[in-house]
Amino acid sequence: MSGAEALDAHLAEGATGVARCWKLIRRDGVCFGFTDHDEALAFDGVTFKAESGLTAAALSQTTGLSVDNTEAVGALSDAAITEADIEAGRFDGAWVEAWLVKWDAPEARVLQFRGSIGELVRQNGAFSAELRGLAEAMNQPQGRVYQKSCTAILGDGVCGFDLDTAGYSTERPVEVIEEARVFLFEGLDTFEPRWFEKGRVRVLSGAAEGLVGMVKNDRFSEGVRRVELWEPLRAAIVAGDMVRLEAGCDKRMETCRLKFDNLLNFRGFPDIPGEDWLISVPARTTTRNGQSRR
């Protein structure tokens, strides 16, 4: 008898003993388990902790392509979901599974919901997380966009470029950090000015480990490299923390060819006519001196 069949048989008895369990997997792979039962439960290699303060609103599921949604509400706990982690964005887009479980026989269970965290709000020592079902992905634009610039993300499966290639990334400790978004490094003169512009800074250690910032400006002057992010990192970062600087791409065909030698994987359409083409007309001469054409 499968777990779902065993649970159905239990529910058919009338008097039931069931609990809800939530498995939360962050994008960095860290996994959490919670239950509204008064004792911890365990299955699939995950321990679902009791007394976590986590509760759930009514689950709403529909047929068709409507987005299934529900809401999880809980108290912030240093042992589980912390305010610092939420502030740092570590739970943004986290994967969620919700189970209905026979608490004295966890093998009798059924998966009720699978999706991801949408909007997450925190206040007064508590949090409220909107949960979005699998149908949410159907609301995203599909297919390719016809535009001059490349639509791939540098280093992804479509781009195919390996950022571990020598000369396209470097790892080093933070030397000077200003306002959690401006990094100053001595040296790094082997990279051309603006080499990391539109690239990424990945934090490899410290309180901000796992966070990623997008590079706004990259300048080199008088032996100092100044790397500025678009916005501050959402966790504390101090001198000595390790970071990885990755080369940037401005999505132009020339950059793909000359900087990365990856033109075969360029995903833009550089020969699409511009707006001026819409008002162009046939002419016998190519001379343009500004005079009337009459």
C-alpha atoms as a PDB file:
ATOM      1  CA  MET A   1       0.000   0.000   0.000  1.00  0.00           C
ATOM      2  CA  SER A   2       1.397   3.391  -0.997  1.00  0.00           C
ATOM      3  CA  GLY A   3       1.746   6.261   1.455  1.00  0.00           C
ATOM      4  CA  ALA A   4      -1.231   8.095  -0.068  1.00  0.00           C
ATOM      5  CA  GLU A   5      -3.411   4.960   0.079  1.00  0.00           C
ATOM      6  CA  ALA A   6      -2.437   4.365   3.708  1.00  0.00           C
ATOM      7  CA  LEU A   7      -3.370   7.945   4.572  1.00  0.00           C
ATOM      8  CA  ASP A   8      -6.706   7.648   2.731  1.00  0.00           C
ATOM      9  CA  ALA A   9      -7.501   4.511   4.736  1.00  0.00           C
ATOM     10  CA  HIS A  10      -6.638   6.337   7.948  1.00  0.00           C
ATOM     11  CA  LEU A  11      -8.805   9.350   7.051  1.00  0.00           C
ATOM     12  CA  ALA A  12     -11.708   7.013   6.269  1.00  0.00           C
ATOM     13  CA  GLU A  13     -11.719   5.824   9.881  1.00  0.00           C
ATOM     14  CA  GLY A  14     -13.245   9.105  11.060  1.00  0.00           C
ATOM     15  CA  ALA A  15     -11.050   9.732  14.089  1.00  0.00           C
ATOM     16  CA  THR A  16      -7.724  10.820  12.662  1.00  0.00           C
ATOM     17  CA  GLY A  17      -4.325  11.912  13.838  1.00  0.00           C
ATOM     18  CA  VAL A  18      -2.664  13.939  11.094  1.00  0.00           C
ATOM     19  CA  ALA A  19      -0.196  16.814  11.019  1.00  0.00           C
ATOM     20  CA  ARG A  20       1.141  19.174   8.374  1.00  0.00           C
ATOM     21  CA  CYS A  21       4.820  19.201   7.490  1.00  0.00           C
ATOM     22  CA  TRP A  22       6.712  21.781   5.490  1.00  0.00           C
ATOM     23  CA  LYS A  23      10.060  21.251   3.780  1.00  0.00           C
ATOM     24  CA  LEU A  24      11.895  24.409   2.784  1.00  0.00           C
ATOM     25  CA  ILE A  25      14.967  24.268   0.529  1.00  0.00           C
ATOM     26  CA  ARG A  26      16.887  27.484  -0.074  1.00  0.00           C
ATOM     27  CA  ARG A  27      18.628  28.162  -3.362  1.00  0.00           C
ATOM     28  CA  ASP A  28      21.982  27.547  -1.662  1.00  0.00           C
ATOM     29  CA  GLY A  29      20.835  24.001  -0.789  1.00  0.00           C
ATOM     30  CA  VAL A  30      20.192  24.501   2.940  1.00  0.00           C
ATOM     31  CA  CYS A  31      17.105  22.486   3.962  1.00  0.00           C
ATOM     32  CA  PHE A  32      14.637  23.142   6.805  1.00  0.00           C
ATOM     33  CA  GLY A  33      11.734  21.055   8.109  1.00  0.00           C
ATOM     34  CA  PHE A  34       8.760  22.277  10.179  1.00  0.00           C
ATOM     35  CA  THR A  35       5.578  20.693  11.501  1.00  0.00           C
ATOM     36  CA  ASP A  36       2.513  21.863  13.398  1.00  0.00           C
ATOM     37  CA  HIS A  37       2.590  18.622  15.441  1.00  0.00           C
ATOM     38  CA  ASP A  38       3.700  18.803  19.096  1.00  0.00           C
ATOM     39  CA  GLU A  39       6.658  16.482  18.462  1.00  0.00           C
ATOM     40  CA  ALA A  40       9.280  16.344  15.749  1.00  0.00           C
ATOM     41  CA  LEU A  41       8.614  14.054  12.758  1.00  0.00           C
ATOM     42  CA  ALA A  42      11.120  12.584  10.320  1.00  0.00           C
ATOM     43  CA  PHE A  43      10.913  11.142   6.800  1.00  0.00           C
ATOM     44  CA  ASP A  44      12.850  11.363   3.530  1.00  0.00           C
ATOM     45  CA  GLY A  45      15.986  12.173   5.500  1.00  0.00           C
ATOM     46  CA  VAL A  46      14.532  15.411   6.895  1.00  0.00           C
ATOM     47  CA  THR A  47      13.613  16.141  10.511  1.00  0.00           C
ATOM     48  CA  PHE A  48      10.517  18.326  10.772  1.00  0.00           C
ATOM     49  CA  LYS A  49      10.837  20.376  13.941  1.00  0.00           C
ATOM     50  CA  ALA A  50       7.902  21.021  16.242  1.00  0.00           C
ATOM     51  CA  GLU A  51       7.182  24.238  18.130  1.00  0.00           C
ATOM     52  CA  SER A  52       8.643  26.271  15.292  1.00  0.00           C
ATOM     53  CA  GLY A  53       5.751  28.732  15.321  1.00  0.00           C
ATOM     54  CA  LEU A  54       4.977  27.965  11.698  1.00  0.00           C
ATOM     55  CA  THR A  55       1.340  27.899  10.634  1.00  0.00           C
ATOM     56  CA  ALA A  56      -0.361  27.842   7.247  1.00  0.00           C
ATOM     57  CA  ALA A  57      -3.378  29.530   5.734  1.00  0.00           C
ATOM     58  CA  ALA A  58      -5.940  27.517   3.765  1.00  0.00           C
ATOM     59  CA  LEU A  59      -4.492  25.943   0.654  1.00  0.00           C
ATOM     60  CA  SER A  60      -6.046  27.193  -2.575  1.00  0.00           C
ATOM     61  CA  GLN A  61      -5.687  24.935  -5.603  1.00  0.00           C
ATOM     62  CA  THR A  62      -7.541  25.176  -8.901  1.00  0.00           C
ATOM     63  CA  THR A  63      -7.665  23.408 -12.233  1.00  0.00           C
ATOM     64  CA  GLY A  64      -6.285  24.977 -15.392  1.00  0.00           C
ATOM     65  CA  LEU A  65      -3.357  27.385 -15.388  1.00  0.00           C
ATOM     66  CA  SER A  66      -4.458  29.528 -12.453  1.00  0.00           C
ATOM     67  CA  VAL A  67      -1.705  29.979  -9.896  1.00  0.00           C
ATOM     68  CA  ASP A  68      -2.111  27.795  -6.811  1.00  0.00           C
ATOM     69  CA  ASN A  69      -1.289  29.768  -3.717  1.00  0.00           C
ATOM     70  CA  THR A  70      -1.239  29.632   0.023  1.00  0.00           C
ATOM     71  CA  GLU A  71       0.575  31.417   2.816  1.00  0.00           C
ATOM     72  CA  ALA A  72       2.940  30.394   5.588  1.00  0.00           C
ATOM     73  CA  VAL A  73       3.139  32.458   8.750  1.00  0.00           C
ATOM     74  CA  GLY A  74       5.630  32.010  11.559  1.00  0.00           C
ATOM     75  CA  ALA A  75       7.762  33.506  14.291  1.00  0.00           C
ATOM     76  CA  LEU A  76      11.376  34.354  13.611  1.00  0.00           C
ATOM     77  CA  SER A  77      13.695  31.972  15.460  1.00  0.00           C
ATOM     78  CA  ASP A  78      17.487  32.071  15.730  1.00  0.00           C
ATOM     79  CA  ALA A  79      17.495  28.265  15.396  1.00  0.00           C
ATOM     80  CA  ALA A  80      15.557  28.221  12.132  1.00  0.00           C
ATOM     81  CA  ILE A  81      14.441  31.194  10.026  1.00  0.00           C
ATOM     82  CA  THR A  82      16.249  34.314  11.193  1.00  0.00           C
ATOM     83  CA  GLU A  83      15.545  37.940  10.462  1.00  0.00           C
ATOM     84  CA  ALA A  84      19.114  38.353   9.212  1.00  0.00           C
ATOM     85  CA  ASP A  85      18.683  35.568   6.638  1.00  0.00           C
ATOM     86  CA  ILE A  86      15.408  37.051   5.413  1.00  0.00           C
ATOM     87  CA  GLU A  87      16.985  40.503   5.158  1.00  0.00           C
ATOM     88  CA  ALA A  88      19.879  39.003   3.168  1.00  0.00           C
ATOM     89  CA  GLY A  89      17.411  37.443   0.705  1.00  0.00           C
ATOM     90  CA  ARG A  90      18.491  33.879   1.397  1.00  0.00           C
ATOM     91  CA  PHE A  91      14.887  32.646   1.325  1.00  0.00           C
ATOM     92  CA  ASP A  92      13.899  34.462  -1.876  1.00  0.00           C
ATOM     93  CA  GLY A  93      12.706  31.875  -4.395  1.00  0.00           C
ATOM     94  CA  ALA A  94      13.172  28.974  -1.946  1.00  0.00           C
ATOM     95  CA  TRP A  95      11.541  25.639  -2.874  1.00  0.00           C
ATOM     96  CA  VAL A  96       8.640  24.521  -0.676  1.00  0.00           C
ATOM     97  CA  GLU A  97       6.836  21.192  -0.185  1.00  0.00           C
ATOM     98  CA  ALA A  98       3.773  20.769   2.050  1.00  0.00           C
ATOM     99  CA  TRP A  99       2.765  17.304   3.303  1.00  0.00           C
ATOM    100  CA  LEU A 100      -0.234  15.914   5.177  1.00  0.00           C
ATOM    101  CA  VAL A 101       1.184  13.188   7.431  1.00  0.00           C
ATOM    102  CA  LYS A 102      -0.170  10.547   9.823  1.00  0.00           C
ATOM    103  CA  TRP A 103       1.949  11.613  12.760  1.00  0.00           C
ATOM    104  CA  ASP A 104       2.378   8.178  14.379  1.00  0.00           C
ATOM    105  CA  ALA A 105       3.246   6.571  11.010  1.00  0.00           C
ATOM    106  CA  PRO A 106       4.947   9.191   8.782  1.00  0.00           C
ATOM    107  CA  GLU A 107       5.159   6.716   5.895  1.00  0.00           C
ATOM    108  CA  ALA A 108       1.409   7.347   5.471  1.00  0.00           C
ATOM    109  CA  ARG A 109       1.487  10.775   3.898  1.00  0.00           C
ATOM    110  CA  VAL A 110       0.500  12.740   0.814  1.00  0.00           C
ATOM    111  CA  LEU A 111       2.090  15.735  -0.874  1.00  0.00           C
ATOM    112  CA  GLN A 112      -0.429  18.604  -0.881  1.00  0.00           C
ATOM    113  CA  PHE A 113       1.582  21.441  -2.321  1.00  0.00           C
ATOM    114  CA  ARG A 114       4.815  22.046  -4.195  1.00  0.00           C
ATOM    115  CA  GLY A 115       6.055  25.449  -5.244  1.00  0.00           C
ATOM    116  CA  SER A 116       8.267  28.367  -4.273  1.00  0.00           C
ATOM    117  CA  ILE A 117       8.293  31.404  -2.023  1.00  0.00           C
ATOM    118  CA  GLY A 118       7.015  34.605  -3.599  1.00  0.00           C
ATOM    119  CA  GLU A 119       6.668  37.769  -1.564  1.00  0.00           C
ATOM    120  CA  LEU A 120       8.088  37.502   1.945  1.00  0.00           C
ATOM    121  CA  VAL A 121       7.207  40.150   4.548  1.00  0.00           C
ATOM    122  CA  ARG A 122       8.672  40.465   8.058  1.00  0.00           C
ATOM    123  CA  GLN A 123       7.568  42.655  10.944  1.00  0.00           C
ATOM    124  CA  ASN A 124       7.350  42.583  14.742  1.00  0.00           C
ATOM    125  CA  GLY A 125       9.456  39.452  15.082  1.00  0.00           C
ATOM    126  CA  ALA A 126       7.388  37.400  12.627  1.00  0.00           C
ATOM    127  CA  PHE A 127       7.239  36.694   8.911  1.00  0.00           C
ATOM    128  CA  SER A 128       4.578  36.018   6.302  1.00  0.00           C
ATOM    129  CA  ALA A 129       5.528  34.206   3.098  1.00  0.00           C
ATOM    130  CA  GLU A 130       3.409  33.948  -0.034  1.00  0.00           C
ATOM    131  CA  LEU A 131       3.726  30.502  -1.618  1.00  0.00           C
ATOM    132  CA  ARG A 132       3.358  30.118  -5.364  1.00  0.00           C
ATOM    133  CA  GLY A 133       2.492  26.846  -7.064  1.00  0.00           C
ATOM    134  CA  LEU A 134       4.082  25.192 -10.081  1.00  0.00           C
ATOM    135  CA  ALA A 135       1.634  26.929 -12.441  1.00  0.00           C
ATOM    136  CA  GLU A 136       3.382  30.218 -11.654  1.00  0.00           C
ATOM    137  CA  ALA A 137       6.041  29.315 -14.227  1.00  0.00           C
ATOM    138  CA  MET A 138       3.347  29.282 -16.931  1.00  0.00           C
ATOM    139  CA  ASN A 139       2.861  33.034 -16.398  1.00  0.00           C
ATOM    140  CA  GLN A 140       6.420  33.764 -17.512  1.00  0.00           C
ATOM    141  CA  PRO A 141       7.206  34.813 -21.116  1.00  0.00           C
ATOM    142  CA  GLN A 142       8.368  31.874 -23.204  1.00  0.00           C
ATOM    143  CA  GLY A 143      10.439  31.672 -26.348  1.00  0.00           C
ATOM    144  CA  ARG A 144      13.153  33.979 -27.689  1.00  0.00           C
ATOM    145  CA  VAL A 145      13.030  37.743 -27.952  1.00  0.00           C
ATOM    146  CA  TYR A 146      14.146  39.318 -31.227  1.00  0.00           C
ATOM    147  CA  GLN A 147      16.554  42.074 -30.220  1.00  0.00           C
ATOM    148  CA  LYS A 148      20.052  43.185 -31.126  1.00  0.00           C
ATOM    149  CA  SER A 149      21.608  42.413 -27.749  1.00  0.00           C
ATOM    150  CA  CYS A 150      22.204  38.883 -26.462  1.00  0.00           C
ATOM    151  CA  THR A 151      19.460  37.380 -24.288  1.00  0.00           C
ATOM    152  CA  ALA A 152      21.682  34.786 -22.592  1.00  0.00           C
ATOM    153  CA  ILE A 153      23.204  35.190 -19.140  1.00  0.00           C
ATOM    154  CA  LEU A 154      26.981  34.972 -19.143  1.00  0.00           C
ATOM    155  CA  GLY A 155      28.013  31.487 -18.049  1.00  0.00           C
ATOM    156  CA  ASP A 156      24.566  29.829 -18.245  1.00  0.00           C
ATOM    157  CA  GLY A 157      23.730  26.765 -20.316  1.00  0.00           C
ATOM    158  CA  VAL A 158      22.686  28.827 -23.330  1.00  0.00           C
ATOM    159  CA  CYS A 159      25.779  31.024 -23.289  1.00  0.00           C
ATOM    160  CA  GLY A 160      28.067  28.067 -22.666  1.00  0.00           C
ATOM    161  CA  PHE A 161      31.050  30.170 -21.595  1.00  0.00           C
ATOM    162  CA  ASP A 162      33.111  28.814 -18.671  1.00  0.00           C
ATOM    163  CA  LEU A 163      33.853  31.635 -16.220  1.00  0.00           C
ATOM    164  CA  ASP A 164      36.524  29.457 -14.618  1.00  0.00           C
ATOM    165  CA  THR A 165      38.632  30.013 -17.720  1.00  0.00           C
ATOM    166  CA  ALA A 166      41.886  31.711 -16.755  1.00  0.00           C
ATOM    167  CA  GLY A 167      41.618  35.493 -16.880  1.00  0.00           C
ATOM    168  CA  TYR A 168      37.835  35.755 -16.475  1.00  0.00           C
ATOM    169  CA  SER A 169      37.493  35.519 -12.692  1.00  0.00           C
ATOM    170  CA  THR A 170      39.577  35.965  -9.590  1.00  0.00           C
ATOM    171  CA  GLU A 171      39.171  35.155  -5.904  1.00  0.00           C
ATOM    172  CA  ARG A 172      40.691  37.339  -3.232  1.00  0.00           C
ATOM    173  CA  PRO A 173      39.965  38.703   0.263  1.00  0.00           C
ATOM    174  CA  VAL A 174      38.126  41.975   0.732  1.00  0.00           C
ATOM    175  CA  GLU A 175      40.573  44.780   1.495  1.00  0.00           C
ATOM    176  CA  VAL A 176      38.408  47.908   1.837  1.00  0.00           C
ATOM    177  CA  ILE A 177      34.602  47.968   1.688  1.00  0.00           C
ATOM    178  CA  GLU A 178      32.477  51.132   1.677  1.00  0.00           C
ATOM    179  CA  GLU A 179      28.708  51.228   2.259  1.00  0.00           C
ATOM    180  CA  ALA A 180      28.535  47.462   1.593  1.00  0.00           C
ATOM    181  CA  ARG A 181      28.739  48.094  -2.150  1.00  0.00           C
ATOM    182  CA  VAL A 182      32.117  49.662  -3.048  1.00  0.00           C
ATOM    183  CA  PHE A 183      35.194  47.400  -2.983  1.00  0.00           C
ATOM    184  CA  LEU A 184      38.736  48.784  -3.195  1.00  0.00           C
ATOM    185  CA  PHE A 185      41.572  46.443  -4.156  1.00  0.00           C
ATOM    186  CA  GLU A 186      45.246  47.183  -4.567  1.00  0.00           C
ATOM    187  CA  GLY A 187      46.693  45.668  -7.687  1.00  0.00           C
ATOM    188  CA  LEU A 188      44.456  43.631  -9.991  1.00  0.00           C
ATOM    189  CA  ASP A 189      46.209  45.485 -12.816  1.00  0.00           C
ATOM    190  CA  THR A 190      46.277  42.356 -14.974  1.00  0.00           C
ATOM    191  CA  PHE A 191      42.621  43.022 -15.807  1.00  0.00           C
ATOM    192  CA  GLU A 192      41.678  45.850 -18.131  1.00  0.00           C
ATOM    193  CA  PRO A 193      39.674  48.782 -16.724  1.00  0.00           C
ATOM    194  CA  ARG A 194      35.911  48.032 -16.793  1.00  0.00           C
ATOM    195  CA  TRP A 195      36.696  44.308 -17.177  1.00  0.00           C
ATOM    196  CA  PHE A 196      34.285  43.376 -14.357  1.00  0.00           C
ATOM    197  CA  GLU A 197      31.623  45.965 -15.253  1.00  0.00           C
ATOM    198  CA  LYS A 198      28.200  44.292 -15.663  1.00  0.00           C
ATOM    199  CA  GLY A 199      29.720  41.219 -14.025  1.00  0.00           C
ATOM    200  CA  ARG A 200      29.140  39.682 -10.589  1.00  0.00           C
ATOM    201  CA  VAL A 201      30.714  39.693  -7.152  1.00  0.00           C
ATOM    202  CA  ARG A 202      30.094  36.446  -5.248  1.00  0.00           C
ATOM    203  CA  VAL A 203      30.763  36.324  -1.511  1.00  0.00           C
ATOM    204  CA  LEU A 204      32.533  33.082  -0.580  1.00  0.00           C
ATOM    205  CA  SER A 205      32.905  33.435   3.189  1.00  0.00           C
ATOM    206  CA  GLY A 206      31.695  35.420   6.171  1.00  0.00           C
ATOM    207  CA  ALA A 207      28.203  36.517   7.196  1.00  0.00           C
ATOM    208  CA  ALA A 208      27.290  37.339   3.587  1.00  0.00           C
ATOM    209  CA  GLU A 209      28.451  33.987   2.165  1.00  0.00           C
ATOM    210  CA  GLY A 210      26.400  32.967  -0.862  1.00  0.00           C
ATOM    211  CA  LEU A 211      25.181  36.453  -1.737  1.00  0.00           C
ATOM    212  CA  VAL A 212      25.762  37.896  -5.198  1.00  0.00           C
ATOM    213  CA  GLY A 213      26.024  41.540  -6.273  1.00  0.00           C
ATOM    214  CA  MET A 214      25.913  42.972  -9.803  1.00  0.00           C
ATOM    215  CA  VAL A 215      28.773  45.299 -10.777  1.00  0.00           C
ATOM    216  CA  LYS A 216      27.826  48.839 -11.813  1.00  0.00           C
ATOM    217  CA  ASN A 217      31.289  50.365 -12.292  1.00  0.00           C
ATOM    218  CA  ASP A 218      34.809  48.990 -12.474  1.00  0.00           C
ATOM    219  CA  ARG A 219      37.643  51.516 -12.568  1.00  0.00           C
ATOM    220  CA  PHE A 220      41.414  51.202 -12.140  1.00  0.00           C
ATOM    221  CA  SER A 221      43.460  54.253 -11.170  1.00  0.00           C
ATOM    222  CA  GLU A 222      46.803  54.811  -9.430  1.00  0.00           C
ATOM    223  CA  GLY A 223      47.208  51.173  -8.502  1.00  0.00           C
ATOM    224  CA  VAL A 224      43.734  50.830  -6.924  1.00  0.00           C
ATOM    225  CA  ARG A 225      40.786  49.000  -8.456  1.00  0.00           C
ATOM    226  CA  ARG A 226      37.349  50.355  -7.499  1.00  0.00           C
ATOM    227  CA  VAL A 227      34.468  47.913  -8.013  1.00  0.00           C
ATOM    228  CA  GLU A 228      31.029  49.392  -7.294  1.00  0.00           C
ATOM    229  CA  LEU A 229      27.816  47.357  -7.059  1.00  0.00           C
ATOM    230  CA  TRP A 230      24.388  48.563  -8.130  1.00  0.00           C
ATOM    231  CA  GLU A 231      23.050  48.130  -4.602  1.00  0.00           C
ATOM    232  CA  PRO A 232      24.508  47.192  -1.209  1.00  0.00           C
ATOM    233  CA  LEU A 233      24.814  43.562  -0.231  1.00  0.00           C
ATOM    234  CA  ARG A 234      22.050  42.604   2.165  1.00  0.00           C
ATOM    235  CA  ALA A 235      24.333  41.188   4.872  1.00  0.00           C
ATOM    236  CA  ALA A 236      27.422  42.348   6.713  1.00  0.00           C
ATOM    237  CA  ILE A 237      30.711  42.007   4.830  1.00  0.00           C
ATOM    238  CA  VAL A 238      34.079  42.942   6.332  1.00  0.00           C
ATOM    239  CA  ALA A 239      37.736  43.024   5.369  1.00  0.00           C
ATOM    240  CA  GLY A 240      39.116  39.512   5.092  1.00  0.00           C
ATOM    241  CA  ASP A 241      35.956  37.924   3.672  1.00  0.00           C
ATOM    242  CA  MET A 242      36.665  36.088   0.414  1.00  0.00           C
ATOM    243  CA  VAL A 243      34.937  37.240  -2.764  1.00  0.00           C
ATOM    244  CA  ARG A 244      34.981  36.125  -6.380  1.00  0.00           C
ATOM    245  CA  LEU A 245      35.004  38.758  -9.136  1.00  0.00           C
ATOM    246  CA  GLU A 246      33.588  37.583 -12.474  1.00  0.00           C
ATOM    247  CA  ALA A 247      34.030  39.290 -15.831  1.00  0.00           C
ATOM    248  CA  GLY A 248      31.093  41.270 -17.159  1.00  0.00           C
ATOM    249  CA  CYS A 249      29.308  41.184 -20.512  1.00  0.00           C
ATOM    250  CA  ASP A 250      27.412  44.094 -22.098  1.00  0.00           C
ATOM    251  CA  LYS A 251      25.492  41.722 -24.427  1.00  0.00           C
ATOM    252  CA  ARG A 252      26.982  43.171 -27.650  1.00  0.00           C
ATOM    253  CA  MET A 253      28.136  40.971 -30.514  1.00  0.00           C
ATOM    254  CA  GLU A 254      31.540  42.682 -30.567  1.00  0.00           C
ATOM    255  CA  THR A 255      32.063  41.890 -26.886  1.00  0.00           C
ATOM    256  CA  CYS A 256      31.057  38.269 -27.385  1.00  0.00           C
ATOM    257  CA  ARG A 257      33.544  37.926 -30.246  1.00  0.00           C
ATOM    258  CA  LEU A 258      36.500  39.912 -28.963  1.00  0.00           C
ATOM    259  CA  LYS A 259      36.315  39.497 -25.173  1.00  0.00           C
ATOM    260  CA  PHE A 260      34.967  35.961 -24.846  1.00  0.00           C
ATOM    261  CA  ASP A 261      35.572  34.372 -28.286  1.00  0.00           C
ATOM    262  CA  ASN A 262      32.071  32.900 -27.965  1.00  0.00           C
ATOM    263  CA  LEU A 263      30.337  34.255 -31.058  1.00  0.00           C
ATOM    264  CA  LEU A 264      28.871  30.872 -32.020  1.00  0.00           C
ATOM    265  CA  ASN A 265      26.694  31.035 -28.914  1.00  0.00           C
ATOM    266  CA  PHE A 266      25.655  34.686 -29.322  1.00  0.00           C
ATOM    267  CA  ARG A 267      21.878  34.866 -28.778  1.00  0.00           C
ATOM    268  CA  GLY A 268      21.131  38.304 -30.221  1.00  0.00           C
ATOM    269  CA  PHE A 269      20.114  39.512 -33.692  1.00  0.00           C
ATOM    270  CA  PRO A 270      22.619  42.245 -34.597  1.00  0.00           C
ATOM    271  CA  ASP A 271      21.284  42.711 -38.149  1.00  0.00           C
ATOM    272  CA  ILE A 272      17.741  43.715 -37.162  1.00  0.00           C
ATOM    273  CA  PRO A 273      17.065  47.151 -38.726  1.00  0.00           C
ATOM    274  CA  GLY A 274      16.869  50.050 -36.292  1.00  0.00           C
ATOM    275  CA  GLU A 275      14.125  52.653 -35.976  1.00  0.00           C
ATOM    276  CA  ASP A 276      15.668  54.842 -38.711  1.00  0.00           C
ATOM    277  CA  TRP A 277      14.943  52.090 -41.224  1.00  0.00           C
ATOM    278  CA  LEU A 278      11.197  52.672 -40.786  1.00  0.00           C
ATOM    279  CA  ILE A 279      11.407  56.181 -42.292  1.00  0.00           C
ATOM    280  CA  SER A 280      13.997  55.457 -44.993  1.00  0.00           C
ATOM    281  CA  VAL A 281      13.025  55.824 -48.659  1.00  0.00           C
ATOM    282  CA  PRO A 282      14.743  54.935 -51.956  1.00  0.00           C
ATOM    283  CA  ALA A 283      17.244  57.503 -53.244  1.00  0.00           C
ATOM    284  CA  ARG A 284      19.456  57.820 -56.318  1.00  0.00           C
ATOM    285  CA  THR A 285      22.354  59.311 -54.378  1.00  0.00           C
ATOM    286  CA  THR A 286      23.977  58.563 -51.064  1.00  0.00           C
ATOM    287  CA  THR A 287      24.941  62.215 -50.530  1.00  0.00           C
ATOM    288  CA  ARG A 288      23.242  63.826 -47.542  1.00  0.00           C
ATOM    289  CA  ASN A 289      23.851  67.570 -47.215  1.00  0.00           C
ATOM    290  CA  GLY A 290      20.718  68.647 -45.386  1.00  0.00           C
ATOM    291  CA  GLN A 291      19.106  70.424 -48.352  1.00  0.00           C
ATOM    292  CA  SER A 292      15.585  69.892 -49.595  1.00  0.00           C
ATOM    293  CA  ARG A 293      15.148  66.731 -51.651  1.00  0.00           C
ATOM    294  CA  ARG A 294      12.870  68.469 -54.159  1.00  0.00           C
END
